[in-house]
Amino acid sequence: MTYRNIFVHVDSSAGAKARVAAASSLAVRFKCPLTGGFVYSSKVPRYVVADAITPISQGVLDAYRAEQAEAISKASGLAKDVFMASLADKAIHTRWLDVDLETDNQMLATAKRHDLVILPSEIKPSFSEHVIPAEAVGMASGGPVIVLKHGGFPVPFGKKILIAWKETREAMRAVRDAWPFLEAAEEIHILRVSRDAPNELDASMLRLFQDHGCPTPQLHVDRNDDAPVEGLIRLHAGRTGADLIVLGLYGHSRVRELVMGGVSRGLLADPPMPLFLSH
């Protein structure tokens, strides 16, 4: 199993260069094309129309749209420069997309059409006040998302992987989506947070990892049910020396309440390392 294409969100921010570095490293590793995407909104802001003293004529509106299109093109060009400059020494096939939020939910459509998506914790589209949480993309896209903190993370990563495990469909979905990483890992650690968890992995689970050619996973059971799970994940990630955390996304009444009952808020606000999310 491998990934056949990768998408990375690119803008002109300082964090974009680190994301492209990580995405390009993975594209080289999996021998697949890398798509860079500039995310923006072409919607005319409400204040342009709603706050006008007199109704805006079609001519004025057309002139505004022309200026807007020019500004979008310029911003996209700057983002593409960041993308291409970071790939100067990489022998990979690249593609570029301008992703308009106002066109048939193009952000989610783009994510659905790529095997792996690399994002910051929050996508802040250009020319928009809208913010898209990375986990919302993970919940709706049907595929895995890797979330990187703003400053990036040293590449390559995924040598030591920590799986935050619960006996649920979502956790197993995340493991299945992460097989390309797990199969190449040097160490795999599985964390269970429950005072009732068994002390050992069952034979079928061990056999599954063996069938995929993975190193034998090491189980860590934390029976401190009263402690915040987010903090325990951080603790065990540090103890194991992990450089990638695999998490299943769990939906609750609010879209932001995800990952093992709300753990995502803290982890995604300040990821200690790359987070591999899947639903």
Protein backbone atom coordinates (compact mmCIF):
# COMPACT_ATOMS: atom_id res chain seq x y z
CA MET A 1 0.00 0.00 0.00
CA THR A 2 1.18 3.52 -0.77
CA TYR A 3 -0.06 7.03 -1.50
CA ARG A 4 -0.38 7.93 -5.17
CA ASN A 5 -0.78 11.69 -4.76
CA ILE A 6 -0.33 14.30 -2.03
CA PHE A 7 -1.86 17.75 -1.57
CA VAL A 8 -0.31 20.52 0.51
CA HIS A 9 -1.83 23.87 1.42
CA VAL A 10 0.48 26.73 0.43
CA ASP A 11 0.31 30.45 1.08
CA SER A 12 2.97 33.11 1.55
CA SER A 13 3.22 32.65 5.33
CA ALA A 14 6.39 31.52 7.09
CA GLY A 15 4.80 28.16 7.90
CA ALA A 16 4.14 27.31 4.26
CA LYS A 17 7.79 26.62 3.51
CA ALA A 18 7.95 24.06 6.31
CA ARG A 19 4.76 22.36 5.08
CA VAL A 20 6.11 22.12 1.54
CA ALA A 21 9.38 20.69 2.87
CA ALA A 22 7.46 17.97 4.70
CA ALA A 23 5.12 17.29 1.77
CA SER A 24 7.97 17.11 -0.75
CA SER A 25 9.89 14.72 1.50
CA LEU A 26 6.84 12.46 1.57
CA ALA A 27 6.35 12.75 -2.21
CA VAL A 28 9.93 11.60 -2.73
CA ARG A 29 9.46 8.81 -0.22
CA PHE A 30 6.25 7.51 -1.80
CA LYS A 31 7.35 8.31 -5.37
CA CYS A 32 4.18 10.24 -6.16
CA PRO A 33 3.13 13.64 -7.53
CA LEU A 34 2.78 16.60 -5.19
CA THR A 35 0.03 19.19 -5.64
CA GLY A 36 0.38 22.63 -4.11
CA GLY A 37 -2.84 24.52 -3.47
CA PHE A 38 -3.58 28.20 -2.84
CA VAL A 39 -6.88 28.58 -0.96
CA TYR A 40 -8.86 31.79 -1.35
CA SER A 41 -12.37 33.24 -1.53
CA SER A 42 -13.77 35.00 -4.58
CA LYS A 43 -16.88 36.12 -2.72
CA VAL A 44 -17.55 39.85 -2.74
CA PRO A 45 -17.36 40.98 0.93
CA ARG A 46 -20.66 42.00 2.48
CA TYR A 47 -19.38 45.44 3.34
CA VAL A 48 -18.84 46.23 -0.35
CA VAL A 49 -22.55 45.84 -1.03
CA ALA A 50 -24.33 46.09 2.32
CA ASP A 51 -22.51 49.18 3.57
CA ALA A 52 -22.80 51.16 0.37
CA ILE A 53 -24.71 54.45 0.74
CA THR A 54 -26.32 53.99 -2.67
CA PRO A 55 -26.89 50.80 -4.65
CA ILE A 56 -23.71 49.72 -6.44
CA SER A 57 -23.92 49.80 -10.21
CA GLN A 58 -22.95 46.80 -12.29
CA GLY A 59 -20.02 48.75 -13.67
CA VAL A 60 -18.61 49.45 -10.21
CA LEU A 61 -19.15 45.84 -9.20
CA ASP A 62 -17.39 44.62 -12.35
CA ALA A 63 -14.47 46.93 -11.64
CA TYR A 64 -14.24 45.59 -8.07
CA ARG A 65 -14.25 41.99 -9.32
CA ALA A 66 -11.50 42.79 -11.81
CA GLU A 67 -9.32 44.27 -9.06
CA GLN A 68 -10.12 41.31 -6.84
CA ALA A 69 -9.15 38.83 -9.57
CA GLU A 70 -5.85 40.64 -10.07
CA ALA A 71 -5.13 40.58 -6.34
CA ILE A 72 -5.97 36.86 -6.13
CA SER A 73 -3.71 36.12 -9.09
CA LYS A 74 -0.84 38.02 -7.50
CA ALA A 75 -1.26 36.29 -4.12
CA SER A 76 -1.47 32.90 -5.82
CA GLY A 77 1.71 33.68 -7.72
CA LEU A 78 3.56 34.50 -4.51
CA ALA A 79 2.37 31.24 -2.93
CA LYS A 80 3.41 29.28 -6.00
CA ASP A 81 6.86 30.90 -5.81
CA VAL A 82 7.18 29.59 -2.24
CA PHE A 83 6.09 26.15 -3.46
CA MET A 84 8.49 25.96 -6.40
CA ALA A 85 11.45 27.45 -4.52
CA SER A 86 11.16 24.74 -1.88
CA LEU A 87 11.21 22.04 -4.56
CA ALA A 88 14.23 23.22 -6.52
CA ASP A 89 16.31 20.16 -5.62
CA LYS A 90 13.49 17.59 -5.64
CA ALA A 91 12.97 15.29 -8.63
CA ILE A 92 9.19 14.97 -8.26
CA HIS A 93 6.22 15.71 -10.49
CA THR A 94 4.35 18.81 -9.29
CA ARG A 95 0.95 20.34 -9.90
CA TRP A 96 -0.64 23.61 -8.84
CA LEU A 97 -4.24 24.42 -7.93
CA ASP A 98 -6.08 27.62 -7.08
CA VAL A 99 -8.79 26.47 -4.68
CA ASP A 100 -11.81 28.78 -4.51
CA LEU A 101 -13.93 28.21 -1.40
CA GLU A 102 -16.95 29.64 -3.15
CA THR A 103 -16.96 27.06 -5.97
CA ASP A 104 -18.82 23.87 -5.06
CA ASN A 105 -17.00 23.48 -1.74
CA GLN A 106 -13.77 23.09 -3.66
CA MET A 107 -11.55 22.66 -0.60
CA LEU A 108 -13.27 19.44 0.43
CA ALA A 109 -13.52 18.28 -3.17
CA THR A 110 -9.77 18.78 -3.54
CA ALA A 111 -9.04 16.84 -0.34
CA LYS A 112 -11.27 13.98 -1.49
CA ARG A 113 -9.28 13.69 -4.70
CA HIS A 114 -5.91 13.20 -3.01
CA ASP A 115 -4.65 10.22 -1.02
CA LEU A 116 -2.93 12.34 1.61
CA VAL A 117 -3.42 15.99 2.60
CA ILE A 118 -0.89 18.16 4.46
CA LEU A 119 -2.40 21.12 6.33
CA PRO A 120 -1.76 23.61 9.13
CA SER A 121 -4.03 23.40 12.17
CA GLU A 122 -6.31 25.97 10.57
CA ILE A 123 -6.57 27.03 6.95
CA LYS A 124 -6.98 30.78 6.69
CA PRO A 125 -8.09 31.40 3.10
CA SER A 126 -6.83 34.56 1.44
CA PHE A 127 -9.41 37.34 0.98
CA SER A 128 -11.73 35.77 3.55
CA GLU A 129 -12.40 35.94 7.28
CA HIS A 130 -13.46 32.30 7.19
CA VAL A 131 -11.27 29.71 8.93
CA ILE A 132 -11.29 25.99 8.13
CA PRO A 133 -10.11 23.67 10.94
CA ALA A 134 -7.92 20.85 9.66
CA GLU A 135 -9.98 18.29 11.53
CA ALA A 136 -13.10 19.43 9.68
CA VAL A 137 -11.35 18.49 6.43
CA GLY A 138 -10.38 15.16 7.97
CA MET A 139 -13.95 14.47 9.06
CA ALA A 140 -15.49 15.26 5.67
CA SER A 141 -12.91 14.22 3.11
CA GLY A 142 -12.88 10.47 3.68
CA GLY A 143 -9.09 10.35 3.76
CA PRO A 144 -6.08 11.03 5.98
CA VAL A 145 -4.80 14.48 6.91
CA ILE A 146 -1.40 15.28 8.37
CA VAL A 147 -1.43 18.42 10.52
CA LEU A 148 1.81 20.32 11.07
CA LYS A 149 2.49 23.09 13.52
CA HIS A 150 3.30 26.50 12.07
CA GLY A 151 7.06 26.04 12.36
CA GLY A 152 6.99 22.60 10.76
CA PHE A 153 8.83 19.53 12.02
CA PRO A 154 12.18 18.00 11.06
CA VAL A 155 11.95 15.62 8.11
CA PRO A 156 11.78 12.77 7.59
CA PHE A 157 9.29 11.85 10.30
CA GLY A 158 7.44 8.61 10.99
CA LYS A 159 10.32 6.48 12.26
CA LYS A 160 8.72 6.13 15.69
CA ILE A 161 4.93 6.21 15.63
CA LEU A 162 2.51 6.51 18.53
CA ILE A 163 -1.05 5.27 17.89
CA ALA A 164 -3.73 6.65 20.22
CA TRP A 165 -5.92 3.56 20.34
CA LYS A 166 -9.52 2.83 21.23
CA GLU A 167 -11.43 -0.26 20.15
CA THR A 168 -13.48 1.73 17.61
CA ARG A 169 -14.05 1.95 13.88
CA GLU A 170 -12.43 5.38 13.73
CA ALA A 171 -9.20 4.22 15.37
CA MET A 172 -8.97 1.25 13.01
CA ARG A 173 -9.67 3.52 10.04
CA ALA A 174 -6.74 5.70 11.06
CA VAL A 175 -4.45 2.68 11.33
CA ARG A 176 -5.50 1.43 7.89
CA ASP A 177 -4.94 4.85 6.34
CA ALA A 178 -1.51 5.01 8.00
CA TRP A 179 -0.19 1.65 6.75
CA PRO A 180 2.37 3.27 4.39
CA PHE A 181 3.92 4.98 7.43
CA LEU A 182 3.51 2.02 9.79
CA GLU A 183 5.05 -0.45 7.34
CA ALA A 184 8.21 1.68 7.14
CA ALA A 185 8.43 2.56 10.85
CA GLU A 186 11.31 1.51 13.06
CA GLU A 187 9.13 1.46 16.18
CA ILE A 188 5.36 1.40 16.74
CA HIS A 189 3.85 2.27 20.10
CA ILE A 190 0.17 1.87 20.94
CA LEU A 191 -1.33 3.93 23.76
CA ARG A 192 -4.53 2.92 25.53
CA VAL A 193 -5.98 5.20 28.18
CA SER A 194 -8.30 3.11 30.33
CA ARG A 195 -8.15 1.53 33.75
CA ASP A 196 -9.88 -1.53 32.24
CA ALA A 197 -7.54 -2.04 29.26
CA PRO A 198 -5.75 -5.41 28.98
CA ASN A 199 -2.02 -5.53 29.60
CA GLU A 200 -1.22 -7.03 26.21
CA LEU A 201 -2.34 -6.69 22.62
CA ASP A 202 -4.47 -9.58 21.40
CA ALA A 203 -2.96 -12.13 19.03
CA SER A 204 -5.08 -11.01 16.07
CA MET A 205 -3.88 -7.41 16.38
CA LEU A 206 -0.26 -8.53 16.59
CA ARG A 207 -0.76 -10.75 13.56
CA LEU A 208 -2.26 -7.86 11.59
CA PHE A 209 0.86 -5.75 12.08
CA GLN A 210 3.01 -8.77 11.30
CA ASP A 211 1.11 -9.37 8.05
CA HIS A 212 1.95 -5.82 7.02
CA GLY A 213 5.64 -6.33 7.72
CA CYS A 214 5.61 -3.89 10.63
CA PRO A 215 7.80 -4.09 13.71
CA THR A 216 5.99 -5.63 16.68
CA PRO A 217 3.98 -2.83 18.34
CA GLN A 218 4.64 -2.03 21.97
CA LEU A 219 1.56 -1.46 24.11
CA HIS A 220 1.46 1.31 26.72
CA VAL A 221 -1.53 1.32 29.06
CA ASP A 222 -2.26 4.45 31.08
CA ARG A 223 -4.91 3.75 33.71
CA ASN A 224 -5.17 7.35 34.86
CA ASP A 225 -8.70 7.88 33.53
CA ASP A 226 -9.05 11.14 35.42
CA ALA A 227 -6.18 12.88 33.63
CA PRO A 228 -6.80 14.81 30.37
CA VAL A 229 -6.20 12.42 27.47
CA GLU A 230 -4.48 15.14 25.48
CA GLY A 231 -1.84 15.49 28.19
CA LEU A 232 -1.34 11.73 28.39
CA ILE A 233 -0.81 11.52 24.62
CA ARG A 234 1.81 14.27 24.85
CA LEU A 235 3.43 12.52 27.82
CA HIS A 236 3.72 9.14 26.11
CA ALA A 237 4.80 10.70 22.81
CA GLY A 238 7.71 12.23 24.69
CA ARG A 239 8.54 9.07 26.59
CA THR A 240 8.60 6.92 23.46
CA GLY A 241 10.45 9.47 21.33
CA ALA A 242 7.63 9.40 18.79
CA ASP A 243 7.82 11.66 15.75
CA LEU A 244 4.29 10.96 14.43
CA ILE A 245 0.98 10.51 16.28
CA VAL A 246 -1.85 8.56 14.62
CA LEU A 247 -5.34 9.54 15.79
CA GLY A 248 -8.86 8.54 14.87
CA LEU A 249 -11.32 11.43 14.56
CA TYR A 250 -14.56 11.03 16.50
CA GLY A 251 -17.51 13.31 15.79
CA HIS A 252 -19.65 14.67 18.60
CA SER A 253 -22.39 17.28 18.75
CA ARG A 254 -20.00 20.05 17.70
CA VAL A 255 -17.56 19.63 14.84
CA ARG A 256 -14.67 20.88 17.00
CA GLU A 257 -15.26 18.15 19.61
CA LEU A 258 -13.24 15.40 17.96
CA VAL A 259 -10.42 12.94 18.63
CA MET A 260 -11.16 10.76 21.63
CA GLY A 261 -13.80 13.05 23.10
CA GLY A 262 -12.37 16.52 22.58
CA VAL A 263 -8.63 15.84 22.66
CA SER A 264 -8.16 17.57 19.31
CA ARG A 265 -8.63 21.09 20.66
CA GLY A 266 -5.38 21.11 22.56
CA LEU A 267 -3.37 18.87 20.25
CA LEU A 268 -4.37 20.74 17.12
CA ALA A 269 -3.91 24.15 18.69
CA ASP A 270 -0.29 23.27 19.44
CA PRO A 271 0.74 20.00 17.77
CA PRO A 272 3.82 18.57 19.52
CA MET A 273 4.71 16.76 16.28
CA PRO A 274 2.96 15.77 13.04
CA LEU A 275 -0.56 14.50 13.68
CA PHE A 276 -1.97 11.88 11.33
CA LEU A 277 -5.77 12.23 11.48
CA SER A 278 -8.43 10.08 9.86
CA HIS A 279 -12.14 9.45 10.20
